[in-house]
């Protein structure tokens, strides 16, 4: 049954994405985190208090999210099996971001292909935290490819992994972890202590999904411009250069697959940051690389879904359930 729910949720997300008229659960999770942070900063007067508060906040948000969605699904099934299935499909579709990620990237490629850099920069600012005001075509392309590659794990393969592991409630709990990390999981002076637990838990939650995703990149590598050699060499050499133990894997795999370079200098709130250069391709980054990256993302998404279904089927037959 769960395999059918996940397949239907995947298809639903692929068709409708995240319609604006339907409030996304992540928005409300974010609001709770924001209000909690305001309260914590009023009462926590030292670094130890901030760190303990951050641990408690992370536990409450993640466990609360799981319990909330598990209760909704339990109640729906209690009313009627069909209602439970429908609610489960809808909730899980909200945890996936295949259509959303694809559409955001396409909204960048359309003006970029026409040379409309101001509109491309505006579209890019919707999915990245870096400053976009002065980016040229190469930099816009790099930022988009990096965002798509990283969010392939955060928005697709990791939620699918946890959906197969524990259903829609666990997938939504993962999204809560991801939201916590994106809001308070920074290694700067403001969030070093408050966001410590969120950042560590996000690294842990993504550890296995990121490596499964890297393996899937290797599986399809013979059909990419970089080939198996390009993906393998870039993964093994550059996969751990990124500050995150997980994000660098997907970026390295994409860089190797497309035979391009990612990383380098970027500006955040007017301050320049340097990230490790990933890949050794000599191709000048162009809008076509975004389109190629999106094709790879869609293939990886389908492969992850297929892998989950086959693994679940094998386990069920092995234990006779």
C-alpha atoms as a PDB file:
ATOM      1  CA  UNK A   1       0.000   0.000   0.000  1.00  0.00           C
ATOM      2  CA  UNK A   2       2.738   2.479   0.955  1.00  0.00           C
ATOM      3  CA  UNK A   3       4.459   1.997  -2.406  1.00  0.00           C
ATOM      4  CA  UNK A   4       1.245   2.984  -4.187  1.00  0.00           C
ATOM      5  CA  UNK A   5       0.845   6.052  -1.966  1.00  0.00           C
ATOM      6  CA  UNK A   6       4.424   7.160  -2.699  1.00  0.00           C
ATOM      7  CA  UNK A   7       4.078   6.630  -6.449  1.00  0.00           C
ATOM      8  CA  UNK A   8       0.801   8.574  -6.511  1.00  0.00           C
ATOM      9  CA  UNK A   9       2.326  11.373  -4.405  1.00  0.00           C
ATOM     10  CA  UNK A  10       5.281  11.576  -6.784  1.00  0.00           C
ATOM     11  CA  UNK A  11       2.958  11.830  -9.784  1.00  0.00           C
ATOM     12  CA  UNK A  12       0.762  14.406  -8.023  1.00  0.00           C
ATOM     13  CA  UNK A  13       3.761  16.576  -7.190  1.00  0.00           C
ATOM     14  CA  UNK A  14       5.065  16.215 -10.755  1.00  0.00           C
ATOM     15  CA  UNK A  15       1.725  17.417 -12.120  1.00  0.00           C
ATOM     16  CA  UNK A  16       0.686  20.225  -9.755  1.00  0.00           C
ATOM     17  CA  UNK A  17       3.834  21.033  -7.765  1.00  0.00           C
ATOM     18  CA  UNK A  18       3.147  23.538  -4.984  1.00  0.00           C
ATOM     19  CA  UNK A  19       0.098  25.624  -6.015  1.00  0.00           C
ATOM     20  CA  UNK A  20       0.102  29.056  -4.397  1.00  0.00           C
ATOM     21  CA  UNK A  21      -3.538  28.742  -3.329  1.00  0.00           C
ATOM     22  CA  UNK A  22      -2.636  25.767  -1.105  1.00  0.00           C
ATOM     23  CA  UNK A  23      -0.630  26.852   1.983  1.00  0.00           C
ATOM     24  CA  UNK A  24       2.536  24.779   2.186  1.00  0.00           C
ATOM     25  CA  UNK A  25       3.259  23.085   5.556  1.00  0.00           C
ATOM     26  CA  UNK A  26       6.873  24.298   5.451  1.00  0.00           C
ATOM     27  CA  UNK A  27       5.618  27.895   5.639  1.00  0.00           C
ATOM     28  CA  UNK A  28       3.921  27.208   8.967  1.00  0.00           C
ATOM     29  CA  UNK A  29       6.889  25.213  10.252  1.00  0.00           C
ATOM     30  CA  UNK A  30       9.041  28.217   9.391  1.00  0.00           C
ATOM     31  CA  UNK A  31       6.717  30.603  11.230  1.00  0.00           C
ATOM     32  CA  UNK A  32       6.852  28.471  14.366  1.00  0.00           C
ATOM     33  CA  UNK A  33      10.659  28.360  14.178  1.00  0.00           C
ATOM     34  CA  UNK A  34      10.827  32.125  13.726  1.00  0.00           C
ATOM     35  CA  UNK A  35       8.548  32.862  16.692  1.00  0.00           C
ATOM     36  CA  UNK A  36      10.402  30.317  18.814  1.00  0.00           C
ATOM     37  CA  UNK A  37      13.718  31.961  17.999  1.00  0.00           C
ATOM     38  CA  UNK A  38      12.394  35.358  19.074  1.00  0.00           C
ATOM     39  CA  UNK A  39      11.258  33.898  22.400  1.00  0.00           C
ATOM     40  CA  UNK A  40      14.510  31.984  22.960  1.00  0.00           C
ATOM     41  CA  UNK A  41      16.648  35.072  22.398  1.00  0.00           C
ATOM     42  CA  UNK A  42      14.637  36.905  25.039  1.00  0.00           C
ATOM     43  CA  UNK A  43      15.230  34.287  27.723  1.00  0.00           C
ATOM     44  CA  UNK A  44      18.586  32.688  26.792  1.00  0.00           C
ATOM     45  CA  UNK A  45      21.306  34.949  28.183  1.00  0.00           C
ATOM     46  CA  UNK A  46      24.463  32.934  27.459  1.00  0.00           C
ATOM     47  CA  UNK A  47      25.912  30.523  24.910  1.00  0.00           C
ATOM     48  CA  UNK A  48      25.068  27.415  26.934  1.00  0.00           C
ATOM     49  CA  UNK A  49      21.436  28.484  27.231  1.00  0.00           C
ATOM     50  CA  UNK A  50      21.330  29.134  23.473  1.00  0.00           C
ATOM     51  CA  UNK A  51      22.778  25.706  22.694  1.00  0.00           C
ATOM     52  CA  UNK A  52      20.393  23.879  25.025  1.00  0.00           C
ATOM     53  CA  UNK A  53      17.475  25.899  23.666  1.00  0.00           C
ATOM     54  CA  UNK A  54      18.545  25.016  20.129  1.00  0.00           C
ATOM     55  CA  UNK A  55      18.566  21.318  20.977  1.00  0.00           C
ATOM     56  CA  UNK A  56      15.103  21.538  22.547  1.00  0.00           C
ATOM     57  CA  UNK A  57      13.760  23.603  19.635  1.00  0.00           C
ATOM     58  CA  UNK A  58      15.043  21.054  17.143  1.00  0.00           C
ATOM     59  CA  UNK A  59      13.505  18.141  19.055  1.00  0.00           C
ATOM     60  CA  UNK A  60      10.160  19.870  19.507  1.00  0.00           C
ATOM     61  CA  UNK A  61       9.865  20.955  15.867  1.00  0.00           C
ATOM     62  CA  UNK A  62      10.893  17.594  14.390  1.00  0.00           C
ATOM     63  CA  UNK A  63       8.924  15.381  16.789  1.00  0.00           C
ATOM     64  CA  UNK A  64       5.982  17.783  16.743  1.00  0.00           C
ATOM     65  CA  UNK A  65       5.876  17.686  12.945  1.00  0.00           C
ATOM     66  CA  UNK A  66       5.964  13.894  12.908  1.00  0.00           C
ATOM     67  CA  UNK A  67       3.239  13.548  15.539  1.00  0.00           C
ATOM     68  CA  UNK A  68       1.039  16.189  13.893  1.00  0.00           C
ATOM     69  CA  UNK A  69       1.025  14.575  10.444  1.00  0.00           C
ATOM     70  CA  UNK A  70       0.879  11.027  11.833  1.00  0.00           C
ATOM     71  CA  UNK A  71      -2.229  12.035  13.811  1.00  0.00           C
ATOM     72  CA  UNK A  72      -3.912  13.582  10.774  1.00  0.00           C
ATOM     73  CA  UNK A  73      -3.283  10.459   8.716  1.00  0.00           C
ATOM     74  CA  UNK A  74      -4.413   8.158  11.550  1.00  0.00           C
ATOM     75  CA  UNK A  75      -7.638  10.148  11.925  1.00  0.00           C
ATOM     76  CA  UNK A  76      -8.250  10.081   8.162  1.00  0.00           C
ATOM     77  CA  UNK A  77      -7.822   6.291   8.062  1.00  0.00           C
ATOM     78  CA  UNK A  78     -10.066   5.976  11.121  1.00  0.00           C
ATOM     79  CA  UNK A  79     -12.813   7.801   9.225  1.00  0.00           C
ATOM     80  CA  UNK A  80     -12.317   5.813   5.996  1.00  0.00           C
ATOM     81  CA  UNK A  81      -9.503   3.944   4.297  1.00  0.00           C
ATOM     82  CA  UNK A  82      -9.887   5.883   1.053  1.00  0.00           C
ATOM     83  CA  UNK A  83      -9.746   9.197   2.922  1.00  0.00           C
ATOM     84  CA  UNK A  84      -6.569   8.031   4.667  1.00  0.00           C
ATOM     85  CA  UNK A  85      -4.968   7.141   1.349  1.00  0.00           C
ATOM     86  CA  UNK A  86      -5.929  10.481  -0.223  1.00  0.00           C
ATOM     87  CA  UNK A  87      -4.637  12.501   2.737  1.00  0.00           C
ATOM     88  CA  UNK A  88      -1.411  10.468   2.805  1.00  0.00           C
ATOM     89  CA  UNK A  89      -0.830  11.113  -0.903  1.00  0.00           C
ATOM     90  CA  UNK A  90      -1.482  14.831  -0.532  1.00  0.00           C
ATOM     91  CA  UNK A  91       0.791  15.236   2.508  1.00  0.00           C
ATOM     92  CA  UNK A  92       3.644  13.351   0.882  1.00  0.00           C
ATOM     93  CA  UNK A  93       3.278  15.338  -2.332  1.00  0.00           C
ATOM     94  CA  UNK A  94       3.814  18.460  -0.213  1.00  0.00           C
ATOM     95  CA  UNK A  95       7.115  17.000   1.018  1.00  0.00           C
ATOM     96  CA  UNK A  96       8.408  16.551  -2.551  1.00  0.00           C
ATOM     97  CA  UNK A  97       9.692  19.318  -4.809  1.00  0.00           C
ATOM     98  CA  UNK A  98      10.184  17.829  -8.275  1.00  0.00           C
ATOM     99  CA  UNK A  99       7.822  20.195 -10.114  1.00  0.00           C
ATOM    100  CA  UNK A 100       8.727  23.195  -7.962  1.00  0.00           C
ATOM    101  CA  UNK A 101      12.470  22.792  -8.461  1.00  0.00           C
ATOM    102  CA  UNK A 102      12.036  22.199 -12.187  1.00  0.00           C
ATOM    103  CA  UNK A 103       9.728  25.195 -12.626  1.00  0.00           C
ATOM    104  CA  UNK A 104      11.968  27.581 -10.673  1.00  0.00           C
ATOM    105  CA  UNK A 105      14.934  26.625 -12.848  1.00  0.00           C
ATOM    106  CA  UNK A 106      12.911  26.947 -16.060  1.00  0.00           C
ATOM    107  CA  UNK A 107      11.822  30.424 -14.941  1.00  0.00           C
ATOM    108  CA  UNK A 108      15.525  31.313 -14.961  1.00  0.00           C
ATOM    109  CA  UNK A 109      16.385  29.700 -18.286  1.00  0.00           C
ATOM    110  CA  UNK A 110      13.602  31.444 -20.245  1.00  0.00           C
ATOM    111  CA  UNK A 111      14.831  35.037 -19.748  1.00  0.00           C
ATOM    112  CA  UNK A 112      18.469  33.915 -19.663  1.00  0.00           C
ATOM    113  CA  UNK A 113      18.198  32.331 -23.116  1.00  0.00           C
ATOM    114  CA  UNK A 114      16.857  35.667 -24.419  1.00  0.00           C
ATOM    115  CA  UNK A 115      19.643  37.679 -22.837  1.00  0.00           C
ATOM    116  CA  UNK A 116      17.303  39.238 -20.274  1.00  0.00           C
ATOM    117  CA  UNK A 117      19.724  39.181 -17.339  1.00  0.00           C
ATOM    118  CA  UNK A 118      17.670  41.392 -14.966  1.00  0.00           C
ATOM    119  CA  UNK A 119      14.680  39.028 -15.165  1.00  0.00           C
ATOM    120  CA  UNK A 120      16.924  35.961 -14.872  1.00  0.00           C
ATOM    121  CA  UNK A 121      18.577  37.462 -11.772  1.00  0.00           C
ATOM    122  CA  UNK A 122      15.168  38.127 -10.226  1.00  0.00           C
ATOM    123  CA  UNK A 123      14.057  34.536 -10.885  1.00  0.00           C
ATOM    124  CA  UNK A 124      17.332  33.229  -9.465  1.00  0.00           C
ATOM    125  CA  UNK A 125      16.867  35.227  -6.257  1.00  0.00           C
ATOM    126  CA  UNK A 126      13.794  33.072  -5.534  1.00  0.00           C
ATOM    127  CA  UNK A 127      15.887  29.929  -5.003  1.00  0.00           C
ATOM    128  CA  UNK A 128      19.302  31.104  -3.744  1.00  0.00           C
ATOM    129  CA  UNK A 129      20.511  33.138  -0.788  1.00  0.00           C
ATOM    130  CA  UNK A 130      23.414  34.806  -2.576  1.00  0.00           C
ATOM    131  CA  UNK A 131      23.304  38.326  -4.041  1.00  0.00           C
ATOM    132  CA  UNK A 132      22.163  38.200  -7.671  1.00  0.00           C
ATOM    133  CA  UNK A 133      22.172  41.866  -8.706  1.00  0.00           C
ATOM    134  CA  UNK A 134      25.448  41.829 -10.642  1.00  0.00           C
ATOM    135  CA  UNK A 135      25.653  38.251 -11.895  1.00  0.00           C
ATOM    136  CA  UNK A 136      26.413  37.572 -15.561  1.00  0.00           C
ATOM    137  CA  UNK A 137      25.157  34.599 -17.594  1.00  0.00           C
ATOM    138  CA  UNK A 138      27.971  32.324 -16.391  1.00  0.00           C
ATOM    139  CA  UNK A 139      27.385  33.157 -12.731  1.00  0.00           C
ATOM    140  CA  UNK A 140      23.598  32.822 -13.036  1.00  0.00           C
ATOM    141  CA  UNK A 141      24.042  29.428 -14.666  1.00  0.00           C
ATOM    142  CA  UNK A 142      26.501  28.287 -11.989  1.00  0.00           C
ATOM    143  CA  UNK A 143      24.197  29.364  -9.161  1.00  0.00           C
ATOM    144  CA  UNK A 144      21.221  27.622 -10.767  1.00  0.00           C
ATOM    145  CA  UNK A 145      23.066  24.363 -11.405  1.00  0.00           C
ATOM    146  CA  UNK A 146      24.433  24.364  -7.842  1.00  0.00           C
ATOM    147  CA  UNK A 147      20.952  24.983  -6.421  1.00  0.00           C
ATOM    148  CA  UNK A 148      19.328  22.270  -8.542  1.00  0.00           C
ATOM    149  CA  UNK A 149      22.026  19.730  -7.674  1.00  0.00           C
ATOM    150  CA  UNK A 150      21.821  20.433  -3.931  1.00  0.00           C
ATOM    151  CA  UNK A 151      18.029  20.513  -3.855  1.00  0.00           C
ATOM    152  CA  UNK A 152      17.808  17.240  -5.753  1.00  0.00           C
ATOM    153  CA  UNK A 153      18.715  15.657  -2.419  1.00  0.00           C
ATOM    154  CA  UNK A 154      16.903  18.075  -0.083  1.00  0.00           C
ATOM    155  CA  UNK A 155      13.708  18.246  -2.110  1.00  0.00           C
ATOM    156  CA  UNK A 156      13.448  14.862  -3.819  1.00  0.00           C
ATOM    157  CA  UNK A 157      15.691  11.912  -2.994  1.00  0.00           C
ATOM    158  CA  UNK A 158      15.882  12.442   0.783  1.00  0.00           C
ATOM    159  CA  UNK A 159      12.090  12.909   1.244  1.00  0.00           C
ATOM    160  CA  UNK A 160      11.539   9.804  -0.895  1.00  0.00           C
ATOM    161  CA  UNK A 161      14.062   7.875   1.221  1.00  0.00           C
ATOM    162  CA  UNK A 162      12.254   8.774   4.441  1.00  0.00           C
ATOM    163  CA  UNK A 163       8.849   8.183   2.879  1.00  0.00           C
ATOM    164  CA  UNK A 164       9.825   4.588   2.077  1.00  0.00           C
ATOM    165  CA  UNK A 165      11.339   4.269   5.553  1.00  0.00           C
ATOM    166  CA  UNK A 166       8.445   5.712   7.584  1.00  0.00           C
ATOM    167  CA  UNK A 167       5.702   7.046   5.343  1.00  0.00           C
ATOM    168  CA  UNK A 168       4.522  10.651   4.883  1.00  0.00           C
ATOM    169  CA  UNK A 169       4.961  11.634   8.575  1.00  0.00           C
ATOM    170  CA  UNK A 170       8.681  10.798   8.494  1.00  0.00           C
ATOM    171  CA  UNK A 171       9.092  12.581   5.157  1.00  0.00           C
ATOM    172  CA  UNK A 172       7.509  15.700   6.664  1.00  0.00           C
ATOM    173  CA  UNK A 173       9.719  15.359   9.760  1.00  0.00           C
ATOM    174  CA  UNK A 174      12.685  15.395   7.391  1.00  0.00           C
ATOM    175  CA  UNK A 175      11.334  18.592   5.803  1.00  0.00           C
ATOM    176  CA  UNK A 176      11.165  20.094   9.285  1.00  0.00           C
ATOM    177  CA  UNK A 177      14.850  19.219   9.808  1.00  0.00           C
ATOM    178  CA  UNK A 178      15.682  20.771   6.456  1.00  0.00           C
ATOM    179  CA  UNK A 179      13.706  23.921   7.304  1.00  0.00           C
ATOM    180  CA  UNK A 180      15.424  24.251  10.672  1.00  0.00           C
ATOM    181  CA  UNK A 181      18.816  24.001   9.001  1.00  0.00           C
ATOM    182  CA  UNK A 182      17.927  26.577   6.334  1.00  0.00           C
ATOM    183  CA  UNK A 183      16.734  29.046   8.979  1.00  0.00           C
ATOM    184  CA  UNK A 184      19.111  28.637  11.922  1.00  0.00           C
ATOM    185  CA  UNK A 185      21.756  26.117  10.883  1.00  0.00           C
ATOM    186  CA  UNK A 186      24.438  28.655   9.981  1.00  0.00           C
ATOM    187  CA  UNK A 187      27.996  28.571  11.286  1.00  0.00           C
ATOM    188  CA  UNK A 188      28.136  32.301  11.963  1.00  0.00           C
ATOM    189  CA  UNK A 189      28.207  34.295  15.173  1.00  0.00           C
ATOM    190  CA  UNK A 190      24.427  34.651  15.334  1.00  0.00           C
ATOM    191  CA  UNK A 191      23.524  30.977  14.925  1.00  0.00           C
ATOM    192  CA  UNK A 192      26.663  29.077  15.940  1.00  0.00           C
ATOM    193  CA  UNK A 193      25.110  27.970  19.245  1.00  0.00           C
ATOM    194  CA  UNK A 194      21.356  28.196  18.624  1.00  0.00           C
ATOM    195  CA  UNK A 195      21.598  26.357  15.310  1.00  0.00           C
ATOM    196  CA  UNK A 196      24.195  23.769  16.308  1.00  0.00           C
ATOM    197  CA  UNK A 197      21.715  20.926  16.827  1.00  0.00           C
ATOM    198  CA  UNK A 198      19.728  21.748  13.684  1.00  0.00           C
ATOM    199  CA  UNK A 199      22.857  21.776  11.522  1.00  0.00           C
ATOM    200  CA  UNK A 200      24.197  18.519  12.963  1.00  0.00           C
ATOM    201  CA  UNK A 201      20.840  16.759  12.608  1.00  0.00           C
ATOM    202  CA  UNK A 202      20.514  17.935   8.995  1.00  0.00           C
ATOM    203  CA  UNK A 203      23.980  16.554   8.208  1.00  0.00           C
ATOM    204  CA  UNK A 204      22.993  13.243   9.789  1.00  0.00           C
ATOM    205  CA  UNK A 205      19.584  13.078   8.078  1.00  0.00           C
ATOM    206  CA  UNK A 206      21.109  13.691   4.640  1.00  0.00           C
ATOM    207  CA  UNK A 207      24.100  11.384   5.054  1.00  0.00           C
ATOM    208  CA  UNK A 208      22.599   8.204   3.577  1.00  0.00           C
ATOM    209  CA  UNK A 209      20.277   9.852   0.987  1.00  0.00           C
ATOM    210  CA  UNK A 210      23.173  11.958  -0.361  1.00  0.00           C
ATOM    211  CA  UNK A 211      25.297   8.860  -0.905  1.00  0.00           C
ATOM    212  CA  UNK A 212      22.480   6.903  -2.507  1.00  0.00           C
ATOM    213  CA  UNK A 213      21.968   9.863  -4.829  1.00  0.00           C
ATOM    214  CA  UNK A 214      25.682   9.925  -5.674  1.00  0.00           C
ATOM    215  CA  UNK A 215      25.462   6.228  -6.564  1.00  0.00           C
ATOM    216  CA  UNK A 216      22.526   6.968  -8.868  1.00  0.00           C
ATOM    217  CA  UNK A 217      24.580   9.677 -10.590  1.00  0.00           C
ATOM    218  CA  UNK A 218      27.263   7.073 -11.208  1.00  0.00           C
ATOM    219  CA  UNK A 219      24.642   4.688 -12.582  1.00  0.00           C
ATOM    220  CA  UNK A 220      23.545   7.135 -15.284  1.00  0.00           C
ATOM    221  CA  UNK A 221      27.009   8.642 -15.833  1.00  0.00           C
ATOM    222  CA  UNK A 222      27.745   6.700 -19.072  1.00  0.00           C
ATOM    223  CA  UNK A 223      24.879   8.640 -20.678  1.00  0.00           C
ATOM    224  CA  UNK A 224      26.207  12.080 -19.633  1.00  0.00           C
ATOM    225  CA  UNK A 225      28.807  14.294 -21.372  1.00  0.00           C
ATOM    226  CA  UNK A 226      31.365  13.618 -18.637  1.00  0.00           C
ATOM    227  CA  UNK A 227      30.848   9.859 -18.682  1.00  0.00           C
ATOM    228  CA  UNK A 228      31.556   7.418 -15.884  1.00  0.00           C
ATOM    229  CA  UNK A 229      35.168   8.532 -15.576  1.00  0.00           C
ATOM    230  CA  UNK A 230      34.247  12.202 -15.237  1.00  0.00           C
ATOM    231  CA  UNK A 231      31.616  11.603 -12.556  1.00  0.00           C
ATOM    232  CA  UNK A 232      33.710   9.106 -10.592  1.00  0.00           C
ATOM    233  CA  UNK A 233      36.878  11.209 -10.612  1.00  0.00           C
ATOM    234  CA  UNK A 234      35.038  14.397  -9.639  1.00  0.00           C
ATOM    235  CA  UNK A 235      33.092  12.650  -6.887  1.00  0.00           C
ATOM    236  CA  UNK A 236      36.151  10.984  -5.393  1.00  0.00           C
ATOM    237  CA  UNK A 237      38.343  14.095  -5.638  1.00  0.00           C
ATOM    238  CA  UNK A 238      35.905  16.959  -4.955  1.00  0.00           C
ATOM    239  CA  UNK A 239      32.926  15.365  -3.210  1.00  0.00           C
ATOM    240  CA  UNK A 240      34.212  16.226   0.271  1.00  0.00           C
ATOM    241  CA  UNK A 241      35.563  19.693  -0.497  1.00  0.00           C
ATOM    242  CA  UNK A 242      32.252  21.365   0.335  1.00  0.00           C
ATOM    243  CA  UNK A 243      31.763  22.577   3.954  1.00  0.00           C
ATOM    244  CA  UNK A 244      28.727  20.294   4.108  1.00  0.00           C
ATOM    245  CA  UNK A 245      29.535  16.561   4.238  1.00  0.00           C
ATOM    246  CA  UNK A 246      26.626  15.953   1.881  1.00  0.00           C
ATOM    247  CA  UNK A 247      26.029  18.892  -0.497  1.00  0.00           C
ATOM    248  CA  UNK A 248      29.414  18.496  -2.163  1.00  0.00           C
ATOM    249  CA  UNK A 249      28.544  15.007  -3.402  1.00  0.00           C
ATOM    250  CA  UNK A 250      25.656  16.054  -5.617  1.00  0.00           C
ATOM    251  CA  UNK A 251      27.491  19.158  -6.850  1.00  0.00           C
ATOM    252  CA  UNK A 252      30.572  17.095  -7.690  1.00  0.00           C
ATOM    253  CA  UNK A 253      28.468  14.479  -9.481  1.00  0.00           C
ATOM    254  CA  UNK A 254      26.741  17.116 -11.617  1.00  0.00           C
ATOM    255  CA  UNK A 255      30.036  18.921 -12.330  1.00  0.00           C
ATOM    256  CA  UNK A 256      31.556  15.653 -13.493  1.00  0.00           C
ATOM    257  CA  UNK A 257      28.481  14.659 -15.498  1.00  0.00           C
ATOM    258  CA  UNK A 258      28.344  17.977 -17.370  1.00  0.00           C
ATOM    259  CA  UNK A 259      32.131  18.455 -17.512  1.00  0.00           C
ATOM    260  CA  UNK A 260      31.916  21.890 -15.865  1.00  0.00           C
ATOM    261  CA  UNK A 261      33.316  23.767 -12.878  1.00  0.00           C
ATOM    262  CA  UNK A 262      31.174  24.788  -9.921  1.00  0.00           C
ATOM    263  CA  UNK A 263      32.041  26.705  -6.759  1.00  0.00           C
ATOM    264  CA  UNK A 264      34.197  29.809  -6.503  1.00  0.00           C
ATOM    265  CA  UNK A 265      33.384  33.287  -5.242  1.00  0.00           C
ATOM    266  CA  UNK A 266      29.843  34.442  -4.368  1.00  0.00           C
ATOM    267  CA  UNK A 267      28.423  37.422  -2.484  1.00  0.00           C
ATOM    268  CA  UNK A 268      26.013  37.167   0.440  1.00  0.00           C
ATOM    269  CA  UNK A 269      24.586  40.408   1.822  1.00  0.00           C
ATOM    270  CA  UNK A 270      27.425  42.320   0.223  1.00  0.00           C
ATOM    271  CA  UNK A 271      30.146  40.089   1.674  1.00  0.00           C
ATOM    272  CA  UNK A 272      32.193  37.893  -0.640  1.00  0.00           C
ATOM    273  CA  UNK A 273      32.542  34.228   0.225  1.00  0.00           C
ATOM    274  CA  UNK A 274      34.783  31.714  -1.441  1.00  0.00           C
ATOM    275  CA  UNK A 275      33.747  28.087  -1.836  1.00  0.00           C
ATOM    276  CA  UNK A 276      35.960  25.260  -3.136  1.00  0.00           C
ATOM    277  CA  UNK A 277      36.116  24.812  -6.895  1.00  0.00           C
ATOM    278  CA  UNK A 278      34.446  21.543  -7.871  1.00  0.00           C
ATOM    279  CA  UNK A 279      35.096  19.889 -11.226  1.00  0.00           C
ATOM    280  CA  UNK A 280      37.738  20.456 -13.862  1.00  0.00           C
ATOM    281  CA  UNK A 281      35.669  20.955 -16.999  1.00  0.00           C
ATOM    282  CA  UNK A 282      36.721  23.582 -19.488  1.00  0.00           C
ATOM    283  CA  UNK A 283      33.235  24.319 -20.806  1.00  0.00           C
ATOM    284  CA  UNK A 284      31.998  27.898 -20.362  1.00  0.00           C
ATOM    285  CA  UNK A 285      28.811  27.767 -18.319  1.00  0.00           C
ATOM    286  CA  UNK A 286      25.775  28.479 -20.493  1.00  0.00           C
ATOM    287  CA  UNK A 287      22.011  28.226 -20.192  1.00  0.00           C
ATOM    288  CA  UNK A 288      22.076  24.793 -21.867  1.00  0.00           C
ATOM    289  CA  UNK A 289      23.883  23.401 -18.820  1.00  0.00           C
ATOM    290  CA  UNK A 290      20.802  24.217 -16.714  1.00  0.00           C
ATOM    291  CA  UNK A 291      18.612  22.259 -19.121  1.00  0.00           C
ATOM    292  CA  UNK A 292      21.010  19.307 -18.990  1.00  0.00           C
ATOM    293  CA  UNK A 293      21.098  19.487 -15.191  1.00  0.00           C
ATOM    294  CA  UNK A 294      17.292  19.415 -15.061  1.00  0.00           C
ATOM    295  CA  UNK A 295      17.152  16.331 -17.287  1.00  0.00           C
ATOM    296  CA  UNK A 296      19.599  14.588 -14.952  1.00  0.00           C
ATOM    297  CA  UNK A 297      17.533  15.674 -11.938  1.00  0.00           C
ATOM    298  CA  UNK A 298      14.367  14.143 -13.423  1.00  0.00           C
ATOM    299  CA  UNK A 299      16.134  10.870 -14.217  1.00  0.00           C
ATOM    300  CA  UNK A 300      17.628  10.699 -10.700  1.00  0.00           C
ATOM    301  CA  UNK A 301      14.162  11.344  -9.216  1.00  0.00           C
ATOM    302  CA  UNK A 302      12.581   8.503 -11.180  1.00  0.00           C
ATOM    303  CA  UNK A 303      15.460   6.167 -10.376  1.00  0.00           C
ATOM    304  CA  UNK A 304      15.168   6.936  -6.646  1.00  0.00           C
ATOM    305  CA  UNK A 305      11.440   6.213  -6.772  1.00  0.00           C
ATOM    306  CA  UNK A 306      12.066   2.973  -8.661  1.00  0.00           C
ATOM    307  CA  UNK A 307      14.829   1.926  -6.261  1.00  0.00           C
ATOM    308  CA  UNK A 308      12.535   2.519  -3.282  1.00  0.00           C
ATOM    309  CA  UNK A 309       9.695   0.513  -4.802  1.00  0.00           C
ATOM    310  CA  UNK A 310      11.946  -2.418  -5.761  1.00  0.00           C
ATOM    311  CA  UNK A 311      13.703  -2.454  -2.382  1.00  0.00           C
ATOM    312  CA  UNK A 312      10.396  -2.378  -0.504  1.00  0.00           C
ATOM    313  CA  UNK A 313       8.985  -5.138  -2.725  1.00  0.00           C
ATOM    314  CA  UNK A 314      12.102  -7.263  -2.149  1.00  0.00           C
ATOM    315  CA  UNK A 315      11.980  -6.782   1.632  1.00  0.00           C
ATOM    316  CA  UNK A 316       8.275  -7.601   1.786  1.00  0.00           C
ATOM    317  CA  UNK A 317       8.819 -10.815  -0.160  1.00  0.00           C
ATOM    318  CA  UNK A 318      11.879 -11.706   1.901  1.00  0.00           C
ATOM    319  CA  UNK A 319      10.017 -11.489   5.204  1.00  0.00           C
ATOM    320  CA  UNK A 320       6.758 -12.737   3.734  1.00  0.00           C
ATOM    321  CA  UNK A 321       4.669  -9.653   4.461  1.00  0.00           C
END
